[in-house]
PDB file of all heavy atoms in Angstrom:
ATOM      1  N   VAL A   1       5.881  -0.212  -6.710  1.00  0.00           N
ATOM      2  CA  VAL A   1       5.763  -0.029  -5.242  1.00  0.00           C
ATOM      3  C   VAL A   1       4.475   0.729  -4.962  1.00  0.00           C
ATOM      4  O   VAL A   1       4.211   1.732  -5.622  1.00  0.00           O
ATOM      5  CB  VAL A   1       6.957   0.703  -4.616  1.00  0.00           C
ATOM      6  CG1 VAL A   1       6.800   0.909  -3.159  1.00  0.00           C
ATOM      7  CG2 VAL A   1       8.251  -0.055  -4.889  1.00  0.00           C
ATOM      8  N   LEU A   2       3.743   0.324  -3.964  1.00  0.00           N
ATOM      9  CA  LEU A   2       2.523   0.968  -3.581  1.00  0.00           C
ATOM     10  C   LEU A   2       2.582   1.271  -2.134  1.00  0.00           C
ATOM     11  O   LEU A   2       2.556   0.398  -1.289  1.00  0.00           O
ATOM     12  CB  LEU A   2       1.255   0.109  -3.913  1.00  0.00           C
ATOM     13  CG  LEU A   2      -0.063   0.681  -3.710  1.00  0.00           C
ATOM     14  CD1 LEU A   2      -0.299   1.883  -4.655  1.00  0.00           C
ATOM     15  CD2 LEU A   2      -1.142  -0.291  -3.964  1.00  0.00           C
ATOM     16  N   ASP A   3       2.745   2.610  -1.827  1.00  0.00           N
ATOM     17  CA  ASP A   3       2.761   3.027  -0.446  1.00  0.00           C
ATOM     18  C   ASP A   3       1.397   3.585  -0.012  1.00  0.00           C
ATOM     19  O   ASP A   3       0.890   4.439  -0.739  1.00  0.00           O
ATOM     20  CB  ASP A   3       3.810   4.097  -0.251  1.00  0.00           C
ATOM     21  CG  ASP A   3       5.234   3.624  -0.397  1.00  0.00           C
ATOM     22  OD1 ASP A   3       5.500   2.488   0.044  1.00  0.00           O
ATOM     23  OD2 ASP A   3       6.043   4.290  -1.023  1.00  0.00           O
ATOM     24  N   VAL A   4       0.856   3.076   1.081  1.00  0.00           N
ATOM     25  CA  VAL A   4      -0.420   3.462   1.490  1.00  0.00           C
ATOM     26  C   VAL A   4      -0.348   4.280   2.828  1.00  0.00           C
ATOM     27  O   VAL A   4       0.170   3.779   3.801  1.00  0.00           O
ATOM     28  CB  VAL A   4      -1.386   2.270   1.698  1.00  0.00           C
ATOM     29  CG1 VAL A   4      -2.729   2.629   2.155  1.00  0.00           C
ATOM     30  CG2 VAL A   4      -1.450   1.427   0.422  1.00  0.00           C
ATOM     31  N   GLY A   5      -0.796   5.518   2.736  1.00  0.00           N
ATOM     32  CA  GLY A   5      -0.779   6.374   3.874  1.00  0.00           C
ATOM     33  C   GLY A   5      -2.261   6.629   4.350  1.00  0.00           C
ATOM     34  O   GLY A   5      -3.191   6.117   3.782  1.00  0.00           O
ATOM     35  N   GLU A   6      -2.377   7.477   5.359  1.00  0.00           N
ATOM     36  CA  GLU A   6      -3.719   7.812   5.814  1.00  0.00           C
ATOM     37  C   GLU A   6      -4.562   8.606   4.809  1.00  0.00           C
ATOM     38  O   GLU A   6      -5.745   8.351   4.598  1.00  0.00           O
ATOM     39  CB  GLU A   6      -3.715   8.599   7.105  1.00  0.00           C
ATOM     40  CG  GLU A   6      -3.389   7.803   8.345  1.00  0.00           C
ATOM     41  CD  GLU A   6      -3.536   8.627   9.579  1.00  0.00           C
ATOM     42  OE1 GLU A   6      -4.420   9.504   9.702  1.00  0.00           O
ATOM     43  OE2 GLU A   6      -2.693   8.469  10.445  1.00  0.00           O
ATOM     44  N   ASP A   7      -3.886   9.559   4.167  1.00  0.00           N
ATOM     45  CA  ASP A   7      -4.560  10.472   3.234  1.00  0.00           C
ATOM     46  C   ASP A   7      -4.288  10.251   1.784  1.00  0.00           C
ATOM     47  O   ASP A   7      -4.969  10.797   0.929  1.00  0.00           O
ATOM     48  CB  ASP A   7      -4.238  11.909   3.595  1.00  0.00           C
ATOM     49  CG  ASP A   7      -4.608  12.275   5.012  1.00  0.00           C
ATOM     50  OD1 ASP A   7      -5.645  11.732   5.479  1.00  0.00           O
ATOM     51  OD2 ASP A   7      -3.901  13.074   5.597  1.00  0.00           O
ATOM     52  N   THR A   8      -3.278   9.473   1.460  1.00  0.00           N
ATOM     53  CA  THR A   8      -2.918   9.236   0.071  1.00  0.00           C
ATOM     54  C   THR A   8      -2.383   7.821  -0.149  1.00  0.00           C
ATOM     55  O   THR A   8      -1.935   7.108   0.746  1.00  0.00           O
ATOM     56  CB  THR A   8      -1.792  10.220  -0.462  1.00  0.00           C
ATOM     57  OG1 THR A   8      -0.636  10.061   0.378  1.00  0.00           O
ATOM     58  CG2 THR A   8      -2.233  11.678  -0.346  1.00  0.00           C
ATOM     59  N   VAL A   9      -2.508   7.425  -1.441  1.00  0.00           N
ATOM     60  CA  VAL A   9      -1.879   6.207  -1.922  1.00  0.00           C
ATOM     61  C   VAL A   9      -0.873   6.616  -2.925  1.00  0.00           C
ATOM     62  O   VAL A   9      -1.194   7.396  -3.853  1.00  0.00           O
ATOM     63  CB  VAL A   9      -2.972   5.267  -2.524  1.00  0.00           C
ATOM     64  CG1 VAL A   9      -2.288   4.026  -3.130  1.00  0.00           C
ATOM     65  CG2 VAL A   9      -3.972   4.836  -1.511  1.00  0.00           C
ATOM     66  N   THR A  10       0.416   6.176  -2.801  1.00  0.00           N
ATOM     67  CA  THR A  10       1.411   6.625  -3.635  1.00  0.00           C
ATOM     68  C   THR A  10       2.045   5.442  -4.416  1.00  0.00           C
ATOM     69  O   THR A  10       2.854   4.736  -3.886  1.00  0.00           O
ATOM     70  CB  THR A  10       2.535   7.370  -2.848  1.00  0.00           C
ATOM     71  OG1 THR A  10       1.919   8.308  -2.004  1.00  0.00           O
ATOM     72  CG2 THR A  10       3.515   8.015  -3.781  1.00  0.00           C
ATOM     73  N   PRO A  11       1.594   5.254  -5.653  1.00  0.00           N
ATOM     74  CA  PRO A  11       2.175   4.229  -6.479  1.00  0.00           C
ATOM     75  C   PRO A  11       3.428   4.738  -7.168  1.00  0.00           C
ATOM     76  O   PRO A  11       3.406   5.949  -7.589  1.00  0.00           O
ATOM     77  CB  PRO A  11       1.068   3.867  -7.497  1.00  0.00           C
ATOM     78  CG  PRO A  11       0.307   5.089  -7.557  1.00  0.00           C
ATOM     79  CD  PRO A  11       0.384   5.821  -6.303  1.00  0.00           C
ATOM     80  N   SER A  12       4.410   3.928  -7.396  1.00  0.00           N
ATOM     81  CA  SER A  12       5.564   4.375  -8.179  1.00  0.00           C
ATOM     82  C   SER A  12       6.084   3.187  -8.956  1.00  0.00           C
ATOM     83  O   SER A  12       6.021   2.070  -8.496  1.00  0.00           O
ATOM     84  CB  SER A  12       6.657   4.935  -7.271  1.00  0.00           C
ATOM     85  OG  SER A  12       7.079   3.977  -6.346  1.00  0.00           O
ATOM     86  N   ALA A  13       6.564   3.535 -10.176  1.00  0.00           N
ATOM     87  CA  ALA A  13       7.158   2.524 -11.106  1.00  0.00           C
ATOM     88  C   ALA A  13       7.882   3.170 -12.133  1.00  0.00           C
ATOM     89  O   ALA A  13       7.582   4.276 -12.567  1.00  0.00           O
ATOM     90  CB  ALA A  13       6.075   1.617 -11.706  1.00  0.00           C
ATOM     91  N   VAL A  14       9.015   2.633 -12.527  1.00  0.00           N
ATOM     92  CA  VAL A  14       9.873   3.124 -13.608  1.00  0.00           C
ATOM     93  C   VAL A  14      10.232   4.556 -13.386  1.00  0.00           C
ATOM     94  O   VAL A  14      10.252   5.424 -14.260  1.00  0.00           O
ATOM     95  CB  VAL A  14       9.160   2.962 -15.044  1.00  0.00           C
ATOM     96  CG1 VAL A  14      10.170   3.136 -16.131  1.00  0.00           C
ATOM     97  CG2 VAL A  14       8.516   1.609 -15.169  1.00  0.00           C
ATOM     98  N   GLY A  15      10.521   4.889 -12.135  1.00  0.00           N
ATOM     99  CA  GLY A  15      10.942   6.219 -11.810  1.00  0.00           C
ATOM    100  C   GLY A  15       9.858   7.299 -11.739  1.00  0.00           C
ATOM    101  O   GLY A  15      10.128   8.498 -11.590  1.00  0.00           O
ATOM    102  N   THR A  16       8.601   6.889 -11.927  1.00  0.00           N
ATOM    103  CA  THR A  16       7.525   7.855 -11.877  1.00  0.00           C
ATOM    104  C   THR A  16       6.662   7.584 -10.623  1.00  0.00           C
ATOM    105  O   THR A  16       6.349   6.475 -10.254  1.00  0.00           O
ATOM    106  CB  THR A  16       6.593   7.677 -13.115  1.00  0.00           C
ATOM    107  OG1 THR A  16       7.420   7.814 -14.282  1.00  0.00           O
ATOM    108  CG2 THR A  16       5.444   8.665 -13.136  1.00  0.00           C
ATOM    109  N   VAL A  17       6.322   8.678  -9.893  1.00  0.00           N
ATOM    110  CA  VAL A  17       5.599   8.600  -8.676  1.00  0.00           C
ATOM    111  C   VAL A  17       4.277   9.359  -8.862  1.00  0.00           C
ATOM    112  O   VAL A  17       4.302  10.477  -9.452  1.00  0.00           O
ATOM    113  CB  VAL A  17       6.387   9.164  -7.471  1.00  0.00           C
ATOM    114  CG1 VAL A  17       5.555   9.084  -6.237  1.00  0.00           C
ATOM    115  CG2 VAL A  17       7.745   8.476  -7.328  1.00  0.00           C
ATOM    116  N   TYR A  18       3.186   8.796  -8.373  1.00  0.00           N
ATOM    117  CA  TYR A  18       1.896   9.388  -8.416  1.00  0.00           C
ATOM    118  C   TYR A  18       1.382   9.556  -7.055  1.00  0.00           C
ATOM    119  O   TYR A  18       1.707   8.783  -6.166  1.00  0.00           O
ATOM    120  CB  TYR A  18       0.886   8.518  -9.254  1.00  0.00           C
ATOM    121  CG  TYR A  18       1.327   8.212 -10.627  1.00  0.00           C
ATOM    122  CD1 TYR A  18       2.147   7.109 -10.904  1.00  0.00           C
ATOM    123  CD2 TYR A  18       0.947   9.084 -11.687  1.00  0.00           C
ATOM    124  CE1 TYR A  18       2.601   6.871 -12.203  1.00  0.00           C
ATOM    125  CE2 TYR A  18       1.338   8.757 -12.978  1.00  0.00           C
ATOM    126  CZ  TYR A  18       2.147   7.668 -13.224  1.00  0.00           C
ATOM    127  OH  TYR A  18       2.544   7.406 -14.514  1.00  0.00           O
ATOM    128  N   GLU A  19       0.458  10.514  -6.842  1.00  0.00           N
ATOM    129  CA  GLU A  19      -0.199  10.684  -5.613  1.00  0.00           C
ATOM    130  C   GLU A  19      -1.730  10.513  -5.850  1.00  0.00           C
ATOM    131  O   GLU A  19      -2.283  11.260  -6.663  1.00  0.00           O
ATOM    132  CB  GLU A  19       0.063  12.004  -4.941  1.00  0.00           C
ATOM    133  CG  GLU A  19      -0.440  12.082  -3.475  1.00  0.00           C
ATOM    134  CD  GLU A  19       0.029  13.373  -2.862  1.00  0.00           C
ATOM    135  OE1 GLU A  19       1.249  13.401  -2.473  1.00  0.00           O
ATOM    136  OE2 GLU A  19      -0.735  14.272  -2.647  1.00  0.00           O
ATOM    137  N   CYS A  20      -2.364   9.597  -5.192  1.00  0.00           N
ATOM    138  CA  CYS A  20      -3.754   9.311  -5.500  1.00  0.00           C
ATOM    139  C   CYS A  20      -4.572   9.299  -4.160  1.00  0.00           C
ATOM    140  O   CYS A  20      -4.046   9.212  -3.090  1.00  0.00           O
ATOM    141  CB  CYS A  20      -3.937   7.919  -6.089  1.00  0.00           C
ATOM    142  SG  CYS A  20      -2.979   7.684  -7.659  1.00  0.00           S
ATOM    143  N   ALA A  21      -5.936   9.446  -4.330  1.00  0.00           N
ATOM    144  CA  ALA A  21      -6.796   9.372  -3.219  1.00  0.00           C
ATOM    145  C   ALA A  21      -6.799   7.919  -2.643  1.00  0.00           C
ATOM    146  O   ALA A  21      -6.509   7.032  -3.376  1.00  0.00           O
ATOM    147  CB  ALA A  21      -8.213   9.768  -3.653  1.00  0.00           C
ATOM    148  N   PRO A  22      -7.148   7.821  -1.376  1.00  0.00           N
ATOM    149  CA  PRO A  22      -7.109   6.446  -0.803  1.00  0.00           C
ATOM    150  C   PRO A  22      -8.013   5.461  -1.479  1.00  0.00           C
ATOM    151  O   PRO A  22      -7.682   4.291  -1.464  1.00  0.00           O
ATOM    152  CB  PRO A  22      -7.589   6.747   0.672  1.00  0.00           C
ATOM    153  CG  PRO A  22      -7.252   8.162   0.959  1.00  0.00           C
ATOM    154  CD  PRO A  22      -7.417   8.876  -0.394  1.00  0.00           C
ATOM    155  N   GLU A  23      -9.062   5.919  -2.066  1.00  0.00           N
ATOM    156  CA  GLU A  23     -10.003   5.014  -2.769  1.00  0.00           C
ATOM    157  C   GLU A  23      -9.298   4.362  -3.959  1.00  0.00           C
ATOM    158  O   GLU A  23      -9.813   3.288  -4.364  1.00  0.00           O
ATOM    159  CB  GLU A  23     -11.217   5.827  -3.304  1.00  0.00           C
ATOM    160  CG  GLU A  23     -12.051   6.401  -2.184  1.00  0.00           C
ATOM    161  CD  GLU A  23     -11.512   7.719  -1.662  1.00  0.00           C
ATOM    162  OE1 GLU A  23     -10.594   8.338  -2.220  1.00  0.00           O
ATOM    163  OE2 GLU A  23     -12.015   8.153  -0.586  1.00  0.00           O
ATOM    164  N   ALA A  24      -8.247   4.865  -4.454  1.00  0.00           N
ATOM    165  CA  ALA A  24      -7.543   4.292  -5.572  1.00  0.00           C
ATOM    166  C   ALA A  24      -6.817   2.976  -5.236  1.00  0.00           C
ATOM    167  O   ALA A  24      -6.417   2.236  -6.119  1.00  0.00           O
ATOM    168  CB  ALA A  24      -6.571   5.256  -6.200  1.00  0.00           C
ATOM    169  N   GLU A  25      -6.599   2.735  -3.934  1.00  0.00           N
ATOM    170  CA  GLU A  25      -5.855   1.549  -3.586  1.00  0.00           C
ATOM    171  C   GLU A  25      -6.458   0.264  -4.101  1.00  0.00           C
ATOM    172  O   GLU A  25      -5.781  -0.642  -4.590  1.00  0.00           O
ATOM    173  CB  GLU A  25      -5.713   1.409  -2.028  1.00  0.00           C
ATOM    174  CG  GLU A  25      -4.932   0.185  -1.650  1.00  0.00           C
ATOM    175  CD  GLU A  25      -4.794  -0.094  -0.191  1.00  0.00           C
ATOM    176  OE1 GLU A  25      -5.342   0.722   0.608  1.00  0.00           O
ATOM    177  OE2 GLU A  25      -4.055  -0.992   0.190  1.00  0.00           O
ATOM    178  N   ALA A  26      -7.809   0.197  -4.084  1.00  0.00           N
ATOM    179  CA  ALA A  26      -8.463  -1.034  -4.614  1.00  0.00           C
ATOM    180  C   ALA A  26      -8.221  -1.241  -6.069  1.00  0.00           C
ATOM    181  O   ALA A  26      -8.250  -2.381  -6.579  1.00  0.00           O
ATOM    182  CB  ALA A  26      -9.975  -0.887  -4.266  1.00  0.00           C
ATOM    183  N   VAL A  27      -7.923  -0.187  -6.763  1.00  0.00           N
ATOM    184  CA  VAL A  27      -7.625  -0.305  -8.240  1.00  0.00           C
ATOM    185  C   VAL A  27      -6.128  -0.582  -8.430  1.00  0.00           C
ATOM    186  O   VAL A  27      -5.740  -1.383  -9.202  1.00  0.00           O
ATOM    187  CB  VAL A  27      -7.990   1.018  -8.960  1.00  0.00           C
ATOM    188  CG1 VAL A  27      -7.513   0.993 -10.417  1.00  0.00           C
ATOM    189  CG2 VAL A  27      -9.494   1.293  -8.889  1.00  0.00           C
ATOM    190  N   LEU A  28      -5.300   0.081  -7.641  1.00  0.00           N
ATOM    191  CA  LEU A  28      -3.853   0.031  -7.824  1.00  0.00           C
ATOM    192  C   LEU A  28      -3.269  -1.281  -7.261  1.00  0.00           C
ATOM    193  O   LEU A  28      -2.273  -1.754  -7.768  1.00  0.00           O
ATOM    194  CB  LEU A  28      -3.170   1.261  -7.199  1.00  0.00           C
ATOM    195  CG  LEU A  28      -3.613   2.576  -7.808  1.00  0.00           C
ATOM    196  CD1 LEU A  28      -3.110   3.711  -7.000  1.00  0.00           C
ATOM    197  CD2 LEU A  28      -3.122   2.670  -9.256  1.00  0.00           C
ATOM    198  N   ARG A  29      -3.768  -1.785  -6.168  1.00  0.00           N
ATOM    199  CA  ARG A  29      -3.209  -2.993  -5.516  1.00  0.00           C
ATOM    200  C   ARG A  29      -3.027  -4.188  -6.463  1.00  0.00           C
ATOM    201  O   ARG A  29      -1.979  -4.699  -6.567  1.00  0.00           O
ATOM    202  CB  ARG A  29      -3.981  -3.335  -4.306  1.00  0.00           C
ATOM    203  CG  ARG A  29      -3.562  -4.606  -3.613  1.00  0.00           C
ATOM    204  CD  ARG A  29      -2.202  -4.533  -2.898  1.00  0.00           C
ATOM    205  NE  ARG A  29      -2.138  -3.465  -1.953  1.00  0.00           N
ATOM    206  CZ  ARG A  29      -1.050  -2.933  -1.433  1.00  0.00           C
ATOM    207  NH1 ARG A  29       0.105  -3.391  -1.841  1.00  0.00           N
ATOM    208  NH2 ARG A  29      -1.083  -1.953  -0.587  1.00  0.00           N
TER     209      ARG A  29
END
């Protein structure tokens, strides 16, 4: 799952959640 907010992009998978800068969305999507 990839949740995109104003200030962060939050990917999660297999019970692990990360908090990334918005610029990471182009990599994570």
